[in-house]
Amino acid sequence: MKKRILLIKCAVALLFVVTIALMVRGERPAEPFKRIQPWFVALSVLLSFIMVAVSCLKWRVLLGISGHRLPFATMMRLYFIGYFFSALLPSAIGGDVIRSWYCGKRIGNQQDAAVSVFLERFTGLLLLLVLAVFGPLLKPGLYAKPAVFIAVACAAVLLGVISMFIVLPRPVDTARAIAGPFTRRIGLLSKLSERIFEKAEVFHGKLREALRVLKRSPGALLLVIGLTVLFYLLTWANVYVAYRAFEVVPEWSGIVSVTAVALLAGVLPIAPLGGLGLIEFSYLYYFEQVGLANVDTFAMSILLRLKVFLLGLIGLVFYLTGSDRGEAEAVRSGQGSD
């Protein structure tokens, strides 16, 4: 079953790659690479390492709330290994699973490791949704564009759902009671909704445990919020500098207004290798809404994708030189098989 899903994801990625080729066809897609600026490329690569370091520092703070400590260098190594699994392997098991397992083995507590990884991702997702909803305020006309409005509406709905999961004691039971009369009339819809509810129960359990951990240290929570904000400031800078690498000077307000909306594509689990093709298409579509040429955005997205592969290759080196590789493969095989 999961092999079939993987094949579908690969087909989706191929579809988006073909679509991108059609979007930049006739616009001389190689032209921006002729004016590439090495210093901005180097700065762009440096920004990627800084962004990983900030994410890793946030993860370390979250792990510390549960009373565990690992050397920062060790956690960076684990983070890069996670990048390898997410960015370079068409696997059903993401890098976070492997990262969590490695961390849990070192601290002797898989549950605390899983909670720290979950919180590191969840806090980032939460701010991403907030920025997707309010970022277009910098250019209010964006809300009138259907694709932007739909993405913003979806982000707002997700924020509402997450709020329900935080506030209500048993949100899934409430949703079952509301949806039950409608889904029971159609057998297939009933089965599908039940699978969704089961996954929602798992998510709610993780969220409740995560919130319980966060309540232990309000000071650490403020630091986590600050690091999450810093990460997205660096994300905007990352996009801006990637454009500058091809002698394109975008408006900062344009970058801020649609970057989060474009990145929402990465949340959708419909393409392998870190959303290959899907995210690039999202960049092209949404940055065009703020006046950036497709051919320039294409070059920018290629640079960002190459940097992801670079980080993944570094993770591959760490993975191949680690002593736990065989056990990690067992984790992947056990959780990835159907």
C-alpha atoms as a PDB file:
ATOM      1  CA  MET A   1       0.000   0.000   0.000  1.00  0.00           C
ATOM      2  CA  LYS A   2       2.740   2.446   0.944  1.00  0.00           C
ATOM      3  CA  LYS A   3       4.669   1.624  -2.211  1.00  0.00           C
ATOM      4  CA  ARG A   4       1.572   2.564  -4.176  1.00  0.00           C
ATOM      5  CA  ILE A   5       1.304   5.841  -2.274  1.00  0.00           C
ATOM      6  CA  LEU A   6       4.974   6.533  -2.988  1.00  0.00           C
ATOM      7  CA  LEU A   7       4.419   5.935  -6.709  1.00  0.00           C
ATOM      8  CA  ILE A   8       1.487   8.354  -6.636  1.00  0.00           C
ATOM      9  CA  LYS A   9       3.647  10.966  -4.920  1.00  0.00           C
ATOM     10  CA  CYS A  10       6.377  10.517  -7.542  1.00  0.00           C
ATOM     11  CA  ALA A  11       3.777  10.969 -10.274  1.00  0.00           C
ATOM     12  CA  VAL A  12       2.555  14.156  -8.576  1.00  0.00           C
ATOM     13  CA  ALA A  13       6.138  15.462  -8.373  1.00  0.00           C
ATOM     14  CA  LEU A  14       6.679  14.696 -12.055  1.00  0.00           C
ATOM     15  CA  LEU A  15       3.442  16.506 -12.927  1.00  0.00           C
ATOM     16  CA  PHE A  16       4.586  19.639 -11.112  1.00  0.00           C
ATOM     17  CA  VAL A  17       8.053  19.477 -12.701  1.00  0.00           C
ATOM     18  CA  VAL A  18       6.434  19.329 -16.155  1.00  0.00           C
ATOM     19  CA  THR A  19       4.152  22.226 -15.210  1.00  0.00           C
ATOM     20  CA  ILE A  20       7.145  24.292 -14.105  1.00  0.00           C
ATOM     21  CA  ALA A  21       8.899  23.562 -17.406  1.00  0.00           C
ATOM     22  CA  LEU A  22       5.844  24.805 -19.274  1.00  0.00           C
ATOM     23  CA  MET A  23       5.641  27.949 -17.123  1.00  0.00           C
ATOM     24  CA  VAL A  24       9.221  29.014 -17.860  1.00  0.00           C
ATOM     25  CA  ARG A  25       9.363  27.741 -21.422  1.00  0.00           C
ATOM     26  CA  GLY A  26      10.200  30.559 -23.805  1.00  0.00           C
ATOM     27  CA  GLU A  27      11.506  32.782 -20.993  1.00  0.00           C
ATOM     28  CA  ARG A  28      15.155  31.737 -21.357  1.00  0.00           C
ATOM     29  CA  PRO A  29      15.364  29.797 -18.058  1.00  0.00           C
ATOM     30  CA  ALA A  30      19.165  29.566 -18.325  1.00  0.00           C
ATOM     31  CA  GLU A  31      19.564  33.359 -18.521  1.00  0.00           C
ATOM     32  CA  PRO A  32      19.600  34.084 -14.749  1.00  0.00           C
ATOM     33  CA  PHE A  33      22.374  31.541 -14.225  1.00  0.00           C
ATOM     34  CA  LYS A  34      24.633  33.573 -16.547  1.00  0.00           C
ATOM     35  CA  ARG A  35      24.522  36.487 -14.106  1.00  0.00           C
ATOM     36  CA  ILE A  36      24.944  34.452 -10.929  1.00  0.00           C
ATOM     37  CA  GLN A  37      26.716  36.250  -8.070  1.00  0.00           C
ATOM     38  CA  PRO A  38      29.082  33.923  -6.137  1.00  0.00           C
ATOM     39  CA  TRP A  39      29.148  36.083  -3.009  1.00  0.00           C
ATOM     40  CA  PHE A  40      25.365  35.998  -2.674  1.00  0.00           C
ATOM     41  CA  VAL A  41      25.404  32.243  -3.327  1.00  0.00           C
ATOM     42  CA  ALA A  42      27.923  31.834  -0.507  1.00  0.00           C
ATOM     43  CA  LEU A  43      25.787  34.025   1.778  1.00  0.00           C
ATOM     44  CA  SER A  44      22.742  31.966   0.843  1.00  0.00           C
ATOM     45  CA  VAL A  45      24.511  28.735   1.796  1.00  0.00           C
ATOM     46  CA  LEU A  46      25.667  30.291   5.068  1.00  0.00           C
ATOM     47  CA  LEU A  47      22.070  31.300   5.844  1.00  0.00           C
ATOM     48  CA  SER A  48      20.969  27.684   5.432  1.00  0.00           C
ATOM     49  CA  PHE A  49      23.472  26.533   8.055  1.00  0.00           C
ATOM     50  CA  ILE A  50      22.379  29.329  10.392  1.00  0.00           C
ATOM     51  CA  MET A  51      18.726  28.309   9.940  1.00  0.00           C
ATOM     52  CA  VAL A  52      19.572  24.695  10.815  1.00  0.00           C
ATOM     53  CA  ALA A  53      21.494  25.914  13.863  1.00  0.00           C
ATOM     54  CA  VAL A  54      18.525  28.024  15.044  1.00  0.00           C
ATOM     55  CA  SER A  55      16.126  25.083  14.599  1.00  0.00           C
ATOM     56  CA  CYS A  56      18.534  22.817  16.419  1.00  0.00           C
ATOM     57  CA  LEU A  57      18.900  25.307  19.264  1.00  0.00           C
ATOM     58  CA  LYS A  58      15.113  25.431  19.622  1.00  0.00           C
ATOM     59  CA  TRP A  59      15.017  21.636  19.671  1.00  0.00           C
ATOM     60  CA  ARG A  60      17.713  21.622  22.379  1.00  0.00           C
ATOM     61  CA  VAL A  61      15.709  24.079  24.509  1.00  0.00           C
ATOM     62  CA  LEU A  62      12.598  21.908  24.178  1.00  0.00           C
ATOM     63  CA  LEU A  63      14.530  18.775  25.065  1.00  0.00           C
ATOM     64  CA  GLY A  64      15.970  20.579  28.072  1.00  0.00           C
ATOM     65  CA  ILE A  65      12.488  21.245  29.466  1.00  0.00           C
ATOM     66  CA  SER A  66      12.223  17.496  30.115  1.00  0.00           C
ATOM     67  CA  GLY A  67      15.569  17.544  31.901  1.00  0.00           C
ATOM     68  CA  HIS A  68      17.722  16.106  29.117  1.00  0.00           C
ATOM     69  CA  ARG A  69      20.914  17.529  27.687  1.00  0.00           C
ATOM     70  CA  LEU A  70      22.869  16.590  24.598  1.00  0.00           C
ATOM     71  CA  PRO A  71      25.902  18.393  23.160  1.00  0.00           C
ATOM     72  CA  PHE A  72      24.857  20.931  20.555  1.00  0.00           C
ATOM     73  CA  ALA A  73      27.229  19.358  18.013  1.00  0.00           C
ATOM     74  CA  THR A  74      25.535  15.981  18.525  1.00  0.00           C
ATOM     75  CA  MET A  75      22.094  17.472  17.974  1.00  0.00           C
ATOM     76  CA  MET A  76      23.278  19.263  14.833  1.00  0.00           C
ATOM     77  CA  ARG A  77      24.561  15.932  13.543  1.00  0.00           C
ATOM     78  CA  LEU A  78      21.183  14.308  14.216  1.00  0.00           C
ATOM     79  CA  TYR A  79      19.394  17.208  12.539  1.00  0.00           C
ATOM     80  CA  PHE A  80      21.476  16.778   9.395  1.00  0.00           C
ATOM     81  CA  ILE A  81      20.737  13.041   9.385  1.00  0.00           C
ATOM     82  CA  GLY A  82      17.041  13.915   9.518  1.00  0.00           C
ATOM     83  CA  TYR A  83      17.584  16.204   6.532  1.00  0.00           C
ATOM     84  CA  PHE A  84      19.092  13.296   4.632  1.00  0.00           C
ATOM     85  CA  PHE A  85      16.056  11.084   5.174  1.00  0.00           C
ATOM     86  CA  SER A  86      13.600  13.868   4.334  1.00  0.00           C
ATOM     87  CA  ALA A  87      15.385  15.445   1.370  1.00  0.00           C
ATOM     88  CA  LEU A  88      17.169  12.606  -0.410  1.00  0.00           C
ATOM     89  CA  LEU A  89      15.182   9.448   0.261  1.00  0.00           C
ATOM     90  CA  PRO A  90      11.716   8.804  -1.237  1.00  0.00           C
ATOM     91  CA  SER A  91      10.723   7.180   2.013  1.00  0.00           C
ATOM     92  CA  ALA A  92       7.406   6.929   3.804  1.00  0.00           C
ATOM     93  CA  ILE A  93       9.291   7.526   7.041  1.00  0.00           C
ATOM     94  CA  GLY A  94      10.408  11.116   7.433  1.00  0.00           C
ATOM     95  CA  GLY A  95      13.604  12.414   8.913  1.00  0.00           C
ATOM     96  CA  ASP A  96      11.863  13.460  12.131  1.00  0.00           C
ATOM     97  CA  VAL A  97      11.186   9.814  13.010  1.00  0.00           C
ATOM     98  CA  ILE A  98      14.837   8.870  12.606  1.00  0.00           C
ATOM     99  CA  ARG A  99      15.995  12.036  14.385  1.00  0.00           C
ATOM    100  CA  SER A 100      13.659  11.320  17.286  1.00  0.00           C
ATOM    101  CA  TRP A 101      14.832   7.710  17.519  1.00  0.00           C
ATOM    102  CA  TYR A 102      18.526   8.648  17.529  1.00  0.00           C
ATOM    103  CA  CYS A 103      17.877  11.293  20.179  1.00  0.00           C
ATOM    104  CA  GLY A 104      15.780   8.927  22.322  1.00  0.00           C
ATOM    105  CA  LYS A 105      18.507   6.310  22.246  1.00  0.00           C
ATOM    106  CA  ARG A 106      21.077   8.806  23.498  1.00  0.00           C
ATOM    107  CA  ILE A 107      18.965  10.212  26.345  1.00  0.00           C
ATOM    108  CA  GLY A 108      17.385   6.860  27.222  1.00  0.00           C
ATOM    109  CA  ASN A 109      13.836   8.120  26.793  1.00  0.00           C
ATOM    110  CA  GLN A 110      12.063   7.779  23.448  1.00  0.00           C
ATOM    111  CA  GLN A 111       8.901   9.543  24.619  1.00  0.00           C
ATOM    112  CA  ASP A 112      10.672  12.736  25.714  1.00  0.00           C
ATOM    113  CA  ALA A 113      12.688  12.728  22.483  1.00  0.00           C
ATOM    114  CA  ALA A 114       9.519  12.352  20.393  1.00  0.00           C
ATOM    115  CA  VAL A 115       7.795  15.182  22.274  1.00  0.00           C
ATOM    116  CA  SER A 116      10.763  17.522  21.722  1.00  0.00           C
ATOM    117  CA  VAL A 117      10.838  16.788  17.981  1.00  0.00           C
ATOM    118  CA  PHE A 118       7.065  17.181  17.742  1.00  0.00           C
ATOM    119  CA  LEU A 119       7.184  20.544  19.513  1.00  0.00           C
ATOM    120  CA  GLU A 120      10.053  21.780  17.367  1.00  0.00           C
ATOM    121  CA  ARG A 121       7.974  21.105  14.251  1.00  0.00           C
ATOM    122  CA  PHE A 122       4.609  22.097  15.688  1.00  0.00           C
ATOM    123  CA  THR A 123       5.696  25.538  16.909  1.00  0.00           C
ATOM    124  CA  GLY A 124       7.149  26.223  13.465  1.00  0.00           C
ATOM    125  CA  LEU A 125       3.943  25.123  11.751  1.00  0.00           C
ATOM    126  CA  LEU A 126       1.829  27.262  14.065  1.00  0.00           C
ATOM    127  CA  LEU A 127       3.738  30.449  13.251  1.00  0.00           C
ATOM    128  CA  LEU A 128       3.770  29.531   9.550  1.00  0.00           C
ATOM    129  CA  LEU A 129      -0.039  29.421   9.582  1.00  0.00           C
ATOM    130  CA  VAL A 130      -0.224  32.773  11.384  1.00  0.00           C
ATOM    131  CA  LEU A 131       2.132  34.356   8.842  1.00  0.00           C
ATOM    132  CA  ALA A 132       0.167  32.848   5.951  1.00  0.00           C
ATOM    133  CA  VAL A 133      -3.026  34.444   7.269  1.00  0.00           C
ATOM    134  CA  PHE A 134      -1.632  37.894   8.081  1.00  0.00           C
ATOM    135  CA  GLY A 135       1.402  38.213   5.768  1.00  0.00           C
ATOM    136  CA  PRO A 136      -0.667  39.345   2.746  1.00  0.00           C
ATOM    137  CA  LEU A 137      -1.785  42.386   4.782  1.00  0.00           C
ATOM    138  CA  LEU A 138       1.404  44.040   3.523  1.00  0.00           C
ATOM    139  CA  LYS A 139      -0.192  43.924   0.085  1.00  0.00           C
ATOM    140  CA  PRO A 140      -3.961  43.767   0.797  1.00  0.00           C
ATOM    141  CA  GLY A 141      -4.818  43.294  -2.872  1.00  0.00           C
ATOM    142  CA  LEU A 142      -3.440  39.761  -2.587  1.00  0.00           C
ATOM    143  CA  TYR A 143      -6.530  38.670  -0.650  1.00  0.00           C
ATOM    144  CA  ALA A 144      -8.607  39.333  -3.776  1.00  0.00           C
ATOM    145  CA  LYS A 145      -6.611  36.750  -5.743  1.00  0.00           C
ATOM    146  CA  PRO A 146      -8.475  33.402  -5.542  1.00  0.00           C
ATOM    147  CA  ALA A 147      -5.424  31.184  -4.983  1.00  0.00           C
ATOM    148  CA  VAL A 148      -4.118  33.445  -2.218  1.00  0.00           C
ATOM    149  CA  PHE A 149      -7.553  33.744  -0.613  1.00  0.00           C
ATOM    150  CA  ILE A 150      -8.034  29.958  -0.655  1.00  0.00           C
ATOM    151  CA  ALA A 151      -4.590  29.334   0.883  1.00  0.00           C
ATOM    152  CA  VAL A 152      -5.216  31.984   3.557  1.00  0.00           C
ATOM    153  CA  ALA A 153      -8.659  30.526   4.292  1.00  0.00           C
ATOM    154  CA  CYS A 154      -7.185  27.026   4.650  1.00  0.00           C
ATOM    155  CA  ALA A 155      -4.517  28.354   7.021  1.00  0.00           C
ATOM    156  CA  ALA A 156      -7.186  30.128   9.067  1.00  0.00           C
ATOM    157  CA  VAL A 157      -9.264  26.939   9.269  1.00  0.00           C
ATOM    158  CA  LEU A 158      -6.229  24.944  10.396  1.00  0.00           C
ATOM    159  CA  LEU A 159      -5.524  27.540  13.077  1.00  0.00           C
ATOM    160  CA  GLY A 160      -9.121  27.216  14.214  1.00  0.00           C
ATOM    161  CA  VAL A 161      -8.874  23.421  14.354  1.00  0.00           C
ATOM    162  CA  ILE A 162      -5.625  23.581  16.315  1.00  0.00           C
ATOM    163  CA  SER A 163      -7.245  26.041  18.731  1.00  0.00           C
ATOM    164  CA  MET A 164     -10.063  23.542  19.258  1.00  0.00           C
ATOM    165  CA  PHE A 165      -7.521  20.803  19.956  1.00  0.00           C
ATOM    166  CA  ILE A 166      -5.889  23.034  22.555  1.00  0.00           C
ATOM    167  CA  VAL A 167      -9.050  24.326  24.253  1.00  0.00           C
ATOM    168  CA  LEU A 168     -11.518  21.430  24.093  1.00  0.00           C
ATOM    169  CA  PRO A 169     -10.883  18.391  26.347  1.00  0.00           C
ATOM    170  CA  ARG A 170     -12.136  15.837  23.790  1.00  0.00           C
ATOM    171  CA  PRO A 171     -12.276  17.582  20.392  1.00  0.00           C
ATOM    172  CA  VAL A 172     -12.275  14.404  18.313  1.00  0.00           C
ATOM    173  CA  ASP A 173     -15.344  13.050  20.108  1.00  0.00           C
ATOM    174  CA  THR A 174     -17.076  16.374  19.446  1.00  0.00           C
ATOM    175  CA  ALA A 175     -16.172  16.175  15.758  1.00  0.00           C
ATOM    176  CA  ARG A 176     -17.400  12.560  15.579  1.00  0.00           C
ATOM    177  CA  ALA A 177     -20.740  13.549  17.083  1.00  0.00           C
ATOM    178  CA  ILE A 178     -21.160  16.385  14.583  1.00  0.00           C
ATOM    179  CA  ALA A 179     -20.020  14.447  11.508  1.00  0.00           C
ATOM    180  CA  GLY A 180     -21.604  11.112  12.410  1.00  0.00           C
ATOM    181  CA  PRO A 181     -25.123  11.701  10.979  1.00  0.00           C
ATOM    182  CA  PHE A 182     -23.628  12.741   7.626  1.00  0.00           C
ATOM    183  CA  THR A 183     -20.855  10.158   7.226  1.00  0.00           C
ATOM    184  CA  ARG A 184     -22.945   7.117   8.203  1.00  0.00           C
ATOM    185  CA  ARG A 185     -25.080   7.535   5.098  1.00  0.00           C
ATOM    186  CA  ILE A 186     -22.125   6.751   2.841  1.00  0.00           C
ATOM    187  CA  GLY A 187     -20.042   3.710   3.757  1.00  0.00           C
ATOM    188  CA  LEU A 188     -16.819   4.838   2.062  1.00  0.00           C
ATOM    189  CA  LEU A 189     -17.090   8.313   3.567  1.00  0.00           C
ATOM    190  CA  SER A 190     -17.670   6.760   6.988  1.00  0.00           C
ATOM    191  CA  LYS A 191     -14.488   4.662   6.741  1.00  0.00           C
ATOM    192  CA  LEU A 192     -12.460   7.604   5.496  1.00  0.00           C
ATOM    193  CA  SER A 193     -13.701   9.888   8.247  1.00  0.00           C
ATOM    194  CA  GLU A 194     -12.938   7.253  10.866  1.00  0.00           C
ATOM    195  CA  ARG A 195      -9.341   7.004   9.660  1.00  0.00           C
ATOM    196  CA  ILE A 196      -9.078  10.782   9.882  1.00  0.00           C
ATOM    197  CA  PHE A 197     -10.514  10.734  13.396  1.00  0.00           C
ATOM    198  CA  GLU A 198      -8.032   8.045  14.432  1.00  0.00           C
ATOM    199  CA  LYS A 199      -5.117  10.149  13.188  1.00  0.00           C
ATOM    200  CA  ALA A 200      -6.624  13.182  14.903  1.00  0.00           C
ATOM    201  CA  GLU A 201      -6.744  11.231  18.176  1.00  0.00           C
ATOM    202  CA  VAL A 202      -3.043  10.443  17.846  1.00  0.00           C
ATOM    203  CA  PHE A 203      -2.267  14.095  17.102  1.00  0.00           C
ATOM    204  CA  HIS A 204      -4.349  15.267  20.052  1.00  0.00           C
ATOM    205  CA  GLY A 205      -2.518  12.869  22.346  1.00  0.00           C
ATOM    206  CA  LYS A 206       0.837  14.204  21.181  1.00  0.00           C
ATOM    207  CA  LEU A 207      -0.364  17.783  21.523  1.00  0.00           C
ATOM    208  CA  ARG A 208      -1.660  17.286  25.069  1.00  0.00           C
ATOM    209  CA  GLU A 209       1.633  15.732  26.138  1.00  0.00           C
ATOM    210  CA  ALA A 210       3.565  18.515  24.427  1.00  0.00           C
ATOM    211  CA  LEU A 211       1.523  21.236  26.125  1.00  0.00           C
ATOM    212  CA  ARG A 212       2.024  19.499  29.461  1.00  0.00           C
ATOM    213  CA  VAL A 213       5.779  19.651  28.889  1.00  0.00           C
ATOM    214  CA  LEU A 214       5.691  23.329  27.870  1.00  0.00           C
ATOM    215  CA  LYS A 215       3.850  24.294  31.067  1.00  0.00           C
ATOM    216  CA  ARG A 216       6.875  23.207  33.072  1.00  0.00           C
ATOM    217  CA  SER A 217       8.959  26.183  31.928  1.00  0.00           C
ATOM    218  CA  PRO A 218       7.269  29.438  30.815  1.00  0.00           C
ATOM    219  CA  GLY A 219      10.698  31.021  30.371  1.00  0.00           C
ATOM    220  CA  ALA A 220      11.747  28.304  27.950  1.00  0.00           C
ATOM    221  CA  LEU A 221       8.472  28.782  26.067  1.00  0.00           C
ATOM    222  CA  LEU A 222       9.301  32.465  25.508  1.00  0.00           C
ATOM    223  CA  LEU A 223      12.738  31.471  24.212  1.00  0.00           C
ATOM    224  CA  VAL A 224      11.138  28.935  21.853  1.00  0.00           C
ATOM    225  CA  ILE A 225       8.779  31.618  20.522  1.00  0.00           C
ATOM    226  CA  GLY A 226      11.709  33.962  19.976  1.00  0.00           C
ATOM    227  CA  LEU A 227      13.731  31.328  18.139  1.00  0.00           C
ATOM    228  CA  THR A 228      10.731  30.467  15.955  1.00  0.00           C
ATOM    229  CA  VAL A 229      10.301  34.126  15.006  1.00  0.00           C
ATOM    230  CA  LEU A 230      14.035  34.342  14.273  1.00  0.00           C
ATOM    231  CA  PHE A 231      13.794  31.289  12.025  1.00  0.00           C
ATOM    232  CA  TYR A 232      11.143  32.911   9.840  1.00  0.00           C
ATOM    233  CA  LEU A 233      13.071  36.179   9.685  1.00  0.00           C
ATOM    234  CA  LEU A 234      15.942  34.086   8.352  1.00  0.00           C
ATOM    235  CA  THR A 235      13.529  32.339   5.966  1.00  0.00           C
ATOM    236  CA  TRP A 236      12.563  35.685   4.414  1.00  0.00           C
ATOM    237  CA  ALA A 237      16.235  36.637   4.218  1.00  0.00           C
ATOM    238  CA  ASN A 238      16.990  33.283   2.631  1.00  0.00           C
ATOM    239  CA  VAL A 239      14.523  33.898  -0.194  1.00  0.00           C
ATOM    240  CA  TYR A 240      15.685  37.501  -0.637  1.00  0.00           C
ATOM    241  CA  VAL A 241      19.367  36.556  -0.844  1.00  0.00           C
ATOM    242  CA  ALA A 242      18.600  33.684  -3.234  1.00  0.00           C
ATOM    243  CA  TYR A 243      17.002  36.205  -5.607  1.00  0.00           C
ATOM    244  CA  ARG A 244      19.975  38.552  -5.186  1.00  0.00           C
ATOM    245  CA  ALA A 245      22.249  35.688  -6.252  1.00  0.00           C
ATOM    246  CA  PHE A 246      20.791  36.203  -9.754  1.00  0.00           C
ATOM    247  CA  GLU A 247      20.899  40.020  -9.699  1.00  0.00           C
ATOM    248  CA  VAL A 248      17.207  40.293  -8.879  1.00  0.00           C
ATOM    249  CA  VAL A 249      16.246  42.803  -6.168  1.00  0.00           C
ATOM    250  CA  PRO A 250      12.757  41.914  -4.923  1.00  0.00           C
ATOM    251  CA  GLU A 251      10.665  44.134  -2.678  1.00  0.00           C
ATOM    252  CA  TRP A 252      11.026  43.038   0.932  1.00  0.00           C
ATOM    253  CA  SER A 253       7.280  43.532   1.453  1.00  0.00           C
ATOM    254  CA  GLY A 254       6.556  41.186  -1.444  1.00  0.00           C
ATOM    255  CA  ILE A 255       8.791  38.480   0.036  1.00  0.00           C
ATOM    256  CA  VAL A 256       7.190  38.784   3.480  1.00  0.00           C
ATOM    257  CA  SER A 257       3.635  38.858   2.131  1.00  0.00           C
ATOM    258  CA  VAL A 258       3.639  35.553   0.224  1.00  0.00           C
ATOM    259  CA  THR A 259       6.545  33.405   1.446  1.00  0.00           C
ATOM    260  CA  ALA A 260       4.494  31.732   4.182  1.00  0.00           C
ATOM    261  CA  VAL A 261       1.627  31.116   1.754  1.00  0.00           C
ATOM    262  CA  ALA A 262       4.057  29.529  -0.708  1.00  0.00           C
ATOM    263  CA  LEU A 263       5.643  27.392   2.005  1.00  0.00           C
ATOM    264  CA  LEU A 264       2.274  25.937   2.963  1.00  0.00           C
ATOM    265  CA  ALA A 265       2.747  23.651  -0.042  1.00  0.00           C
ATOM    266  CA  GLY A 266       5.521  21.965   1.887  1.00  0.00           C
ATOM    267  CA  VAL A 267       3.011  20.922   4.545  1.00  0.00           C
ATOM    268  CA  LEU A 268       1.090  18.847   2.009  1.00  0.00           C
ATOM    269  CA  PRO A 269       2.396  15.238   1.979  1.00  0.00           C
ATOM    270  CA  ILE A 270       1.737  14.731  -1.730  1.00  0.00           C
ATOM    271  CA  ALA A 271       5.261  14.772  -3.172  1.00  0.00           C
ATOM    272  CA  PRO A 272       8.459  12.937  -2.152  1.00  0.00           C
ATOM    273  CA  LEU A 273      11.919  14.346  -1.431  1.00  0.00           C
ATOM    274  CA  GLY A 274      10.764  17.283   0.642  1.00  0.00           C
ATOM    275  CA  GLY A 275       7.990  18.323  -1.744  1.00  0.00           C
ATOM    276  CA  LEU A 276      10.138  18.224  -4.873  1.00  0.00           C
ATOM    277  CA  GLY A 277       8.347  20.040  -7.699  1.00  0.00           C
ATOM    278  CA  LEU A 278       5.418  21.047  -5.526  1.00  0.00           C
ATOM    279  CA  ILE A 279       7.247  23.726  -3.545  1.00  0.00           C
ATOM    280  CA  GLU A 280       9.009  25.042  -6.647  1.00  0.00           C
ATOM    281  CA  PHE A 281       5.658  25.365  -8.416  1.00  0.00           C
ATOM    282  CA  SER A 282       4.259  27.134  -5.355  1.00  0.00           C
ATOM    283  CA  TYR A 283       7.146  29.617  -5.432  1.00  0.00           C
ATOM    284  CA  LEU A 284       6.574  30.352  -9.106  1.00  0.00           C
ATOM    285  CA  TYR A 285       2.853  30.837  -8.683  1.00  0.00           C
ATOM    286  CA  TYR A 286       2.805  32.978  -5.546  1.00  0.00           C
ATOM    287  CA  PHE A 287       5.857  35.137  -6.191  1.00  0.00           C
ATOM    288  CA  GLU A 288       4.394  35.951  -9.594  1.00  0.00           C
ATOM    289  CA  GLN A 289       1.513  37.523  -7.668  1.00  0.00           C
ATOM    290  CA  VAL A 290       3.919  40.136  -6.272  1.00  0.00           C
ATOM    291  CA  GLY A 291       5.494  40.944  -9.639  1.00  0.00           C
ATOM    292  CA  LEU A 292       8.492  38.612  -9.756  1.00  0.00           C
ATOM    293  CA  ALA A 293       9.221  36.974 -13.116  1.00  0.00           C
ATOM    294  CA  ASN A 294       8.811  33.209 -13.348  1.00  0.00           C
ATOM    295  CA  VAL A 295      12.253  32.771 -14.850  1.00  0.00           C
ATOM    296  CA  ASP A 296      13.880  34.566 -11.887  1.00  0.00           C
ATOM    297  CA  THR A 297      11.832  32.616  -9.355  1.00  0.00           C
ATOM    298  CA  PHE A 298      12.745  29.401 -11.162  1.00  0.00           C
ATOM    299  CA  ALA A 299      16.451  30.172 -10.698  1.00  0.00           C
ATOM    300  CA  MET A 300      15.856  31.145  -7.052  1.00  0.00           C
ATOM    301  CA  SER A 301      13.966  27.899  -6.372  1.00  0.00           C
ATOM    302  CA  ILE A 302      16.704  25.814  -8.002  1.00  0.00           C
ATOM    303  CA  LEU A 303      19.265  27.397  -5.675  1.00  0.00           C
ATOM    304  CA  LEU A 304      17.074  26.689  -2.648  1.00  0.00           C
ATOM    305  CA  ARG A 305      16.576  23.077  -3.770  1.00  0.00           C
ATOM    306  CA  LEU A 306      20.323  22.566  -4.310  1.00  0.00           C
ATOM    307  CA  LYS A 307      20.948  23.832  -0.781  1.00  0.00           C
ATOM    308  CA  VAL A 308      18.452  21.322   0.601  1.00  0.00           C
ATOM    309  CA  PHE A 309      20.289  18.570  -1.267  1.00  0.00           C
ATOM    310  CA  LEU A 310      23.593  19.876   0.125  1.00  0.00           C
ATOM    311  CA  LEU A 311      22.301  19.663   3.685  1.00  0.00           C
ATOM    312  CA  GLY A 312      20.979  16.187   2.927  1.00  0.00           C
ATOM    313  CA  LEU A 313      24.371  15.094   1.593  1.00  0.00           C
ATOM    314  CA  ILE A 314      26.009  16.312   4.792  1.00  0.00           C
ATOM    315  CA  GLY A 315      23.456  14.254   6.676  1.00  0.00           C
ATOM    316  CA  LEU A 316      24.314  11.251   4.496  1.00  0.00           C
ATOM    317  CA  VAL A 317      27.978  11.565   5.478  1.00  0.00           C
ATOM    318  CA  PHE A 318      27.035  11.681   9.162  1.00  0.00           C
ATOM    319  CA  TYR A 319      24.681   8.739   8.704  1.00  0.00           C
ATOM    320  CA  LEU A 320      27.273   6.572   6.943  1.00  0.00           C
ATOM    321  CA  THR A 321      29.898   7.347   9.558  1.00  0.00           C
ATOM    322  CA  GLY A 322      27.566   6.706  12.508  1.00  0.00           C
ATOM    323  CA  SER A 323      27.489   3.551  14.592  1.00  0.00           C
ATOM    324  CA  ASP A 324      23.691   3.258  14.709  1.00  0.00           C
ATOM    325  CA  ARG A 325      23.026   2.983  11.004  1.00  0.00           C
ATOM    326  CA  GLY A 326      21.887  -0.653  11.069  1.00  0.00           C
ATOM    327  CA  GLU A 327      19.383  -0.049  13.859  1.00  0.00           C
ATOM    328  CA  ALA A 328      18.068   3.052  12.115  1.00  0.00           C
ATOM    329  CA  GLU A 329      17.466   0.955   9.007  1.00  0.00           C
ATOM    330  CA  ALA A 330      15.501  -1.473  11.186  1.00  0.00           C
ATOM    331  CA  VAL A 331      13.369   1.408  12.455  1.00  0.00           C
ATOM    332  CA  ARG A 332      12.675   2.520   8.881  1.00  0.00           C
ATOM    333  CA  SER A 333      11.852  -1.003   7.714  1.00  0.00           C
ATOM    334  CA  GLY A 334       9.621  -1.748  10.662  1.00  0.00           C
ATOM    335  CA  GLN A 335       7.599   1.472  10.449  1.00  0.00           C
ATOM    336  CA  GLY A 336       7.616   1.796   6.725  1.00  0.00           C
ATOM    337  CA  SER A 337       6.305  -1.649   5.846  1.00  0.00           C
ATOM    338  CA  ASP A 338       2.662  -2.403   5.530  1.00  0.00           C
END
